[in-house]
Amino acid sequence: MLAVKSMDVCENFKEWCNKVINGETFIVSKPKNENISIVYYYSRLASRS
Protein backbone atom coordinates (compact mmCIF):
# COMPACT_ATOMS: atom_id res chain seq x y z
CA MET A 1 0.00 0.00 0.00
CA LEU A 2 1.32 3.40 -0.97
CA ALA A 3 0.48 6.47 1.13
CA VAL A 4 1.40 9.97 -0.04
CA LYS A 5 0.56 13.57 0.69
CA SER A 6 -1.79 15.28 -1.75
CA MET A 7 0.85 17.88 -2.64
CA ASP A 8 3.27 15.10 -3.72
CA VAL A 9 0.87 13.47 -6.18
CA CYS A 10 1.80 15.51 -9.27
CA GLU A 11 5.49 14.63 -9.10
CA ASN A 12 5.09 10.86 -9.40
CA PHE A 13 1.51 10.35 -10.54
CA LYS A 14 2.31 8.29 -13.64
CA GLU A 15 4.65 5.96 -11.70
CA TRP A 16 2.08 5.46 -8.93
CA CYS A 17 -0.73 4.80 -11.41
CA ASN A 18 1.38 2.07 -12.99
CA LYS A 19 1.82 0.48 -9.55
CA VAL A 20 -1.94 0.67 -8.95
CA ILE A 21 -2.58 -1.13 -12.24
CA ASN A 22 -0.21 -3.85 -11.03
CA GLY A 23 -2.30 -4.39 -7.88
CA GLU A 24 -0.96 -1.84 -5.39
CA THR A 25 -3.42 0.29 -3.38
CA PHE A 26 -2.73 4.03 -3.44
CA ILE A 27 -3.82 6.29 -0.54
CA VAL A 28 -3.70 10.07 -0.86
CA SER A 29 -3.75 11.68 2.57
CA LYS A 30 -5.71 14.91 2.77
CA PRO A 31 -6.42 17.36 5.59
CA LYS A 32 -9.16 16.53 8.10
CA ASN A 33 -8.82 12.76 7.41
CA GLU A 34 -10.58 13.10 4.05
CA ASN A 35 -8.27 10.53 2.49
CA ILE A 36 -8.66 9.18 -1.03
CA SER A 37 -7.88 5.61 -1.98
CA ILE A 38 -7.23 4.66 -5.59
CA VAL A 39 -7.58 1.05 -6.65
CA TYR A 40 -7.64 -0.51 -10.08
CA TYR A 41 -10.75 -2.50 -10.88
CA TYR A 42 -11.01 -4.40 -14.13
CA SER A 43 -13.96 -6.54 -15.06
CA ARG A 44 -14.03 -8.54 -18.24
CA LEU A 45 -17.49 -9.54 -19.28
CA ALA A 46 -17.68 -12.92 -20.96
CA SER A 47 -19.40 -12.84 -24.30
CA ARG A 48 -21.94 -15.54 -25.02
CA SER A 49 -22.06 -17.15 -28.42
PDB file of N, CA and C in Angstrom:
ATOM      1  N   MET A   1       0.851  -1.175   0.000  1.00  0.00           N
ATOM      2  CA  MET A   1       0.000   0.000   0.000  1.00  0.00           C
ATOM      3  C   MET A   1       0.894   1.235   0.000  1.00  0.00           C
ATOM      4  N   LEU A   2       0.594   2.146  -0.884  1.00  0.00           N
ATOM      5  CA  LEU A   2       1.323   3.404  -0.971  1.00  0.00           C
ATOM      6  C   LEU A   2       0.504   4.501  -0.302  1.00  0.00           C
ATOM      7  N   ALA A   3       1.152   5.324   0.504  1.00  0.00           N
ATOM      8  CA  ALA A   3       0.483   6.466   1.130  1.00  0.00           C
ATOM      9  C   ALA A   3       1.316   7.710   0.872  1.00  0.00           C
ATOM     10  N   VAL A   4       0.695   8.736   0.301  1.00  0.00           N
ATOM     11  CA  VAL A   4       1.403   9.967  -0.044  1.00  0.00           C
ATOM     12  C   VAL A   4       0.569  11.182   0.350  1.00  0.00           C
ATOM     13  N   LYS A   5       1.248  12.309   0.432  1.00  0.00           N
ATOM     14  CA  LYS A   5       0.564  13.572   0.689  1.00  0.00           C
ATOM     15  C   LYS A   5      -0.019  14.088  -0.624  1.00  0.00           C
ATOM     16  N   SER A   6      -1.131  14.800  -0.539  1.00  0.00           N
ATOM     17  CA  SER A   6      -1.789  15.283  -1.754  1.00  0.00           C
ATOM     18  C   SER A   6      -0.891  16.211  -2.558  1.00  0.00           C
ATOM     19  N   MET A   7      -0.016  16.971  -1.910  1.00  0.00           N
ATOM     20  CA  MET A   7       0.850  17.882  -2.644  1.00  0.00           C
ATOM     21  C   MET A   7       1.982  17.157  -3.383  1.00  0.00           C
ATOM     22  N   ASP A   8       2.225  15.875  -3.056  1.00  0.00           N
ATOM     23  CA  ASP A   8       3.270  15.105  -3.718  1.00  0.00           C
ATOM     24  C   ASP A   8       2.756  14.293  -4.910  1.00  0.00           C
ATOM     25  N   VAL A   9       1.464  14.316  -5.150  1.00  0.00           N
ATOM     26  CA  VAL A   9       0.868  13.470  -6.183  1.00  0.00           C
ATOM     27  C   VAL A   9       1.356  13.840  -7.579  1.00  0.00           C
ATOM     28  N   CYS A  10       1.434  15.092  -7.905  1.00  0.00           N
ATOM     29  CA  CYS A  10       1.802  15.510  -9.267  1.00  0.00           C
ATOM     30  C   CYS A  10       3.186  15.037  -9.683  1.00  0.00           C
ATOM     31  N   GLU A  11       4.117  14.981  -8.760  1.00  0.00           N
ATOM     32  CA  GLU A  11       5.493  14.634  -9.101  1.00  0.00           C
ATOM     33  C   GLU A  11       5.642  13.210  -9.618  1.00  0.00           C
ATOM     34  N   ASN A  12       4.906  12.264  -9.057  1.00  0.00           N
ATOM     35  CA  ASN A  12       5.093  10.861  -9.397  1.00  0.00           C
ATOM     36  C   ASN A  12       3.802  10.167  -9.808  1.00  0.00           C
ATOM     37  N   PHE A  13       2.830  10.922 -10.278  1.00  0.00           N
ATOM     38  CA  PHE A  13       1.508  10.355 -10.539  1.00  0.00           C
ATOM     39  C   PHE A  13       1.549   9.199 -11.539  1.00  0.00           C
ATOM     40  N   LYS A  14       2.260   9.343 -12.626  1.00  0.00           N
ATOM     41  CA  LYS A  14       2.314   8.289 -13.638  1.00  0.00           C
ATOM     42  C   LYS A  14       2.917   7.010 -13.058  1.00  0.00           C
ATOM     43  N   GLU A  15       4.006   7.129 -12.324  1.00  0.00           N
ATOM     44  CA  GLU A  15       4.647   5.960 -11.703  1.00  0.00           C
ATOM     45  C   GLU A  15       3.701   5.266 -10.729  1.00  0.00           C
ATOM     46  N   TRP A  16       2.998   6.043  -9.910  1.00  0.00           N
ATOM     47  CA  TRP A  16       2.084   5.459  -8.933  1.00  0.00           C
ATOM     48  C   TRP A  16       0.882   4.819  -9.600  1.00  0.00           C
ATOM     49  N   CYS A  17       0.386   5.404 -10.677  1.00  0.00           N
ATOM     50  CA  CYS A  17      -0.734   4.798 -11.409  1.00  0.00           C
ATOM     51  C   CYS A  17      -0.327   3.449 -11.991  1.00  0.00           C
ATOM     52  N   ASN A  18       0.896   3.352 -12.485  1.00  0.00           N
ATOM     53  CA  ASN A  18       1.384   2.074 -12.992  1.00  0.00           C
ATOM     54  C   ASN A  18       1.426   1.026 -11.881  1.00  0.00           C
ATOM     55  N   LYS A  19       1.805   1.417 -10.674  1.00  0.00           N
ATOM     56  CA  LYS A  19       1.816   0.484  -9.545  1.00  0.00           C
ATOM     57  C   LYS A  19       0.403   0.056  -9.170  1.00  0.00           C
ATOM     58  N   VAL A  20      -0.553   0.990  -9.260  1.00  0.00           N
ATOM     59  CA  VAL A  20      -1.943   0.666  -8.953  1.00  0.00           C
ATOM     60  C   VAL A  20      -2.471  -0.360  -9.953  1.00  0.00           C
ATOM     61  N   ILE A  21      -2.148  -0.182 -11.223  1.00  0.00           N
ATOM     62  CA  ILE A  21      -2.576  -1.129 -12.244  1.00  0.00           C
ATOM     63  C   ILE A  21      -2.016  -2.523 -11.962  1.00  0.00           C
ATOM     64  N   ASN A  22      -0.838  -2.569 -11.361  1.00  0.00           N
ATOM     65  CA  ASN A  22      -0.205  -3.846 -11.028  1.00  0.00           C
ATOM     66  C   ASN A  22      -0.671  -4.408  -9.686  1.00  0.00           C
ATOM     67  N   GLY A  23      -1.706  -3.817  -9.085  1.00  0.00           N
ATOM     68  CA  GLY A  23      -2.303  -4.389  -7.883  1.00  0.00           C
ATOM     69  C   GLY A  23      -2.046  -3.651  -6.585  1.00  0.00           C
ATOM     70  N   GLU A  24      -1.259  -2.610  -6.607  1.00  0.00           N
ATOM     71  CA  GLU A  24      -0.960  -1.838  -5.393  1.00  0.00           C
ATOM     72  C   GLU A  24      -2.128  -0.912  -5.074  1.00  0.00           C
ATOM     73  N   THR A  25      -2.404  -0.679  -3.793  1.00  0.00           N
ATOM     74  CA  THR A  25      -3.417   0.292  -3.376  1.00  0.00           C
ATOM     75  C   THR A  25      -2.717   1.618  -3.103  1.00  0.00           C
ATOM     76  N   PHE A  26      -3.328   2.697  -3.493  1.00  0.00           N
ATOM     77  CA  PHE A  26      -2.734   4.032  -3.438  1.00  0.00           C
ATOM     78  C   PHE A  26      -3.622   4.909  -2.561  1.00  0.00           C
ATOM     79  N   ILE A  27      -3.071   5.421  -1.458  1.00  0.00           N
ATOM     80  CA  ILE A  27      -3.822   6.286  -0.539  1.00  0.00           C
ATOM     81  C   ILE A  27      -3.249   7.697  -0.620  1.00  0.00           C
ATOM     82  N   VAL A  28      -4.104   8.674  -0.871  1.00  0.00           N
ATOM     83  CA  VAL A  28      -3.696  10.074  -0.863  1.00  0.00           C
ATOM     84  C   VAL A  28      -4.230  10.677   0.431  1.00  0.00           C
ATOM     85  N   SER A  29      -3.311  11.091   1.306  1.00  0.00           N
ATOM     86  CA  SER A  29      -3.748  11.682   2.573  1.00  0.00           C
ATOM     87  C   SER A  29      -4.085  13.153   2.358  1.00  0.00           C
ATOM     88  N   LYS A  30      -5.223  13.545   2.905  1.00  0.00           N
ATOM     89  CA  LYS A  30      -5.707  14.911   2.767  1.00  0.00           C
ATOM     90  C   LYS A  30      -6.010  15.456   4.160  1.00  0.00           C
ATOM     91  N   PRO A  31      -6.095  16.766   4.287  1.00  0.00           N
ATOM     92  CA  PRO A  31      -6.421  17.360   5.588  1.00  0.00           C
ATOM     93  C   PRO A  31      -7.768  16.873   6.120  1.00  0.00           C
ATOM     94  N   LYS A  32      -7.913  16.894   7.403  1.00  0.00           N
ATOM     95  CA  LYS A  32      -9.158  16.535   8.100  1.00  0.00           C
ATOM     96  C   LYS A  32      -9.553  15.075   7.861  1.00  0.00           C
ATOM     97  N   ASN A  33      -8.574  14.195   7.631  1.00  0.00           N
ATOM     98  CA  ASN A  33      -8.817  12.763   7.413  1.00  0.00           C
ATOM     99  C   ASN A  33      -9.768  12.476   6.255  1.00  0.00           C
ATOM    100  N   GLU A  34      -9.769  13.330   5.250  1.00  0.00           N
ATOM    101  CA  GLU A  34     -10.575  13.100   4.049  1.00  0.00           C
ATOM    102  C   GLU A  34      -9.700  12.419   3.002  1.00  0.00           C
ATOM    103  N   ASN A  35      -9.193  11.240   3.346  1.00  0.00           N
ATOM    104  CA  ASN A  35      -8.267  10.525   2.493  1.00  0.00           C
ATOM    105  C   ASN A  35      -8.948   9.937   1.267  1.00  0.00           C
ATOM    106  N   ILE A  36      -8.172   9.754   0.222  1.00  0.00           N
ATOM    107  CA  ILE A  36      -8.656   9.181  -1.028  1.00  0.00           C
ATOM    108  C   ILE A  36      -7.889   7.896  -1.274  1.00  0.00           C
ATOM    109  N   SER A  37      -8.581   6.827  -1.594  1.00  0.00           N
ATOM    110  CA  SER A  37      -7.884   5.605  -1.985  1.00  0.00           C
ATOM    111  C   SER A  37      -8.166   5.348  -3.457  1.00  0.00           C
ATOM    112  N   ILE A  38      -7.112   4.943  -4.165  1.00  0.00           N
ATOM    113  CA  ILE A  38      -7.233   4.656  -5.593  1.00  0.00           C
ATOM    114  C   ILE A  38      -6.877   3.192  -5.791  1.00  0.00           C
ATOM    115  N   VAL A  39      -7.808   2.455  -6.340  1.00  0.00           N
ATOM    116  CA  VAL A  39      -7.581   1.048  -6.647  1.00  0.00           C
ATOM    117  C   VAL A  39      -7.953   0.818  -8.102  1.00  0.00           C
ATOM    118  N   TYR A  40      -7.372  -0.179  -8.683  1.00  0.00           N
ATOM    119  CA  TYR A  40      -7.644  -0.513 -10.076  1.00  0.00           C
ATOM    120  C   TYR A  40      -8.622  -1.664 -10.089  1.00  0.00           C
ATOM    121  N   TYR A  41      -9.733  -1.468 -10.772  1.00  0.00           N
ATOM    122  CA  TYR A  41     -10.751  -2.503 -10.881  1.00  0.00           C
ATOM    123  C   TYR A  41     -10.981  -2.784 -12.351  1.00  0.00           C
ATOM    124  N   TYR A  42     -10.813  -4.016 -12.747  1.00  0.00           N
ATOM    125  CA  TYR A  42     -11.007  -4.402 -14.135  1.00  0.00           C
ATOM    126  C   TYR A  42     -11.939  -5.581 -14.170  1.00  0.00           C
ATOM    127  N   SER A  43     -13.002  -5.463 -14.917  1.00  0.00           N
ATOM    128  CA  SER A  43     -13.964  -6.538 -15.056  1.00  0.00           C
ATOM    129  C   SER A  43     -14.097  -6.873 -16.531  1.00  0.00           C
ATOM    130  N   ARG A  44     -13.901  -8.118 -16.849  1.00  0.00           N
ATOM    131  CA  ARG A  44     -14.027  -8.538 -18.242  1.00  0.00           C
ATOM    132  C   ARG A  44     -15.294  -9.376 -18.368  1.00  0.00           C
ATOM    133  N   LEU A  45     -16.230  -8.851 -19.103  1.00  0.00           N
ATOM    134  CA  LEU A  45     -17.493  -9.544 -19.281  1.00  0.00           C
ATOM    135  C   LEU A  45     -17.326 -10.633 -20.328  1.00  0.00           C
ATOM    136  N   ALA A  46     -17.767 -11.810 -20.011  1.00  0.00           N
ATOM    137  CA  ALA A  46     -17.677 -12.920 -20.959  1.00  0.00           C
ATOM    138  C   ALA A  46     -18.773 -12.777 -22.008  1.00  0.00           C
ATOM    139  N   SER A  47     -18.400 -12.906 -23.241  1.00  0.00           N
ATOM    140  CA  SER A  47     -19.404 -12.835 -24.299  1.00  0.00           C
ATOM    141  C   SER A  47     -19.986 -14.227 -24.530  1.00  0.00           C
ATOM    142  N   ARG A  48     -21.258 -14.256 -24.780  1.00  0.00           N
ATOM    143  CA  ARG A  48     -21.940 -15.537 -25.024  1.00  0.00           C
ATOM    144  C   ARG A  48     -22.167 -15.721 -26.509  1.00  0.00           C
ATOM    145  N   SER A  49     -21.878 -16.875 -26.991  1.00  0.00           N
ATOM    146  CA  SER A  49     -22.065 -17.150 -28.422  1.00  0.00           C
ATOM    147  C   SER A  49     -23.404 -17.760 -28.676  1.00  0.00           C
TER     148      SER A  49
END
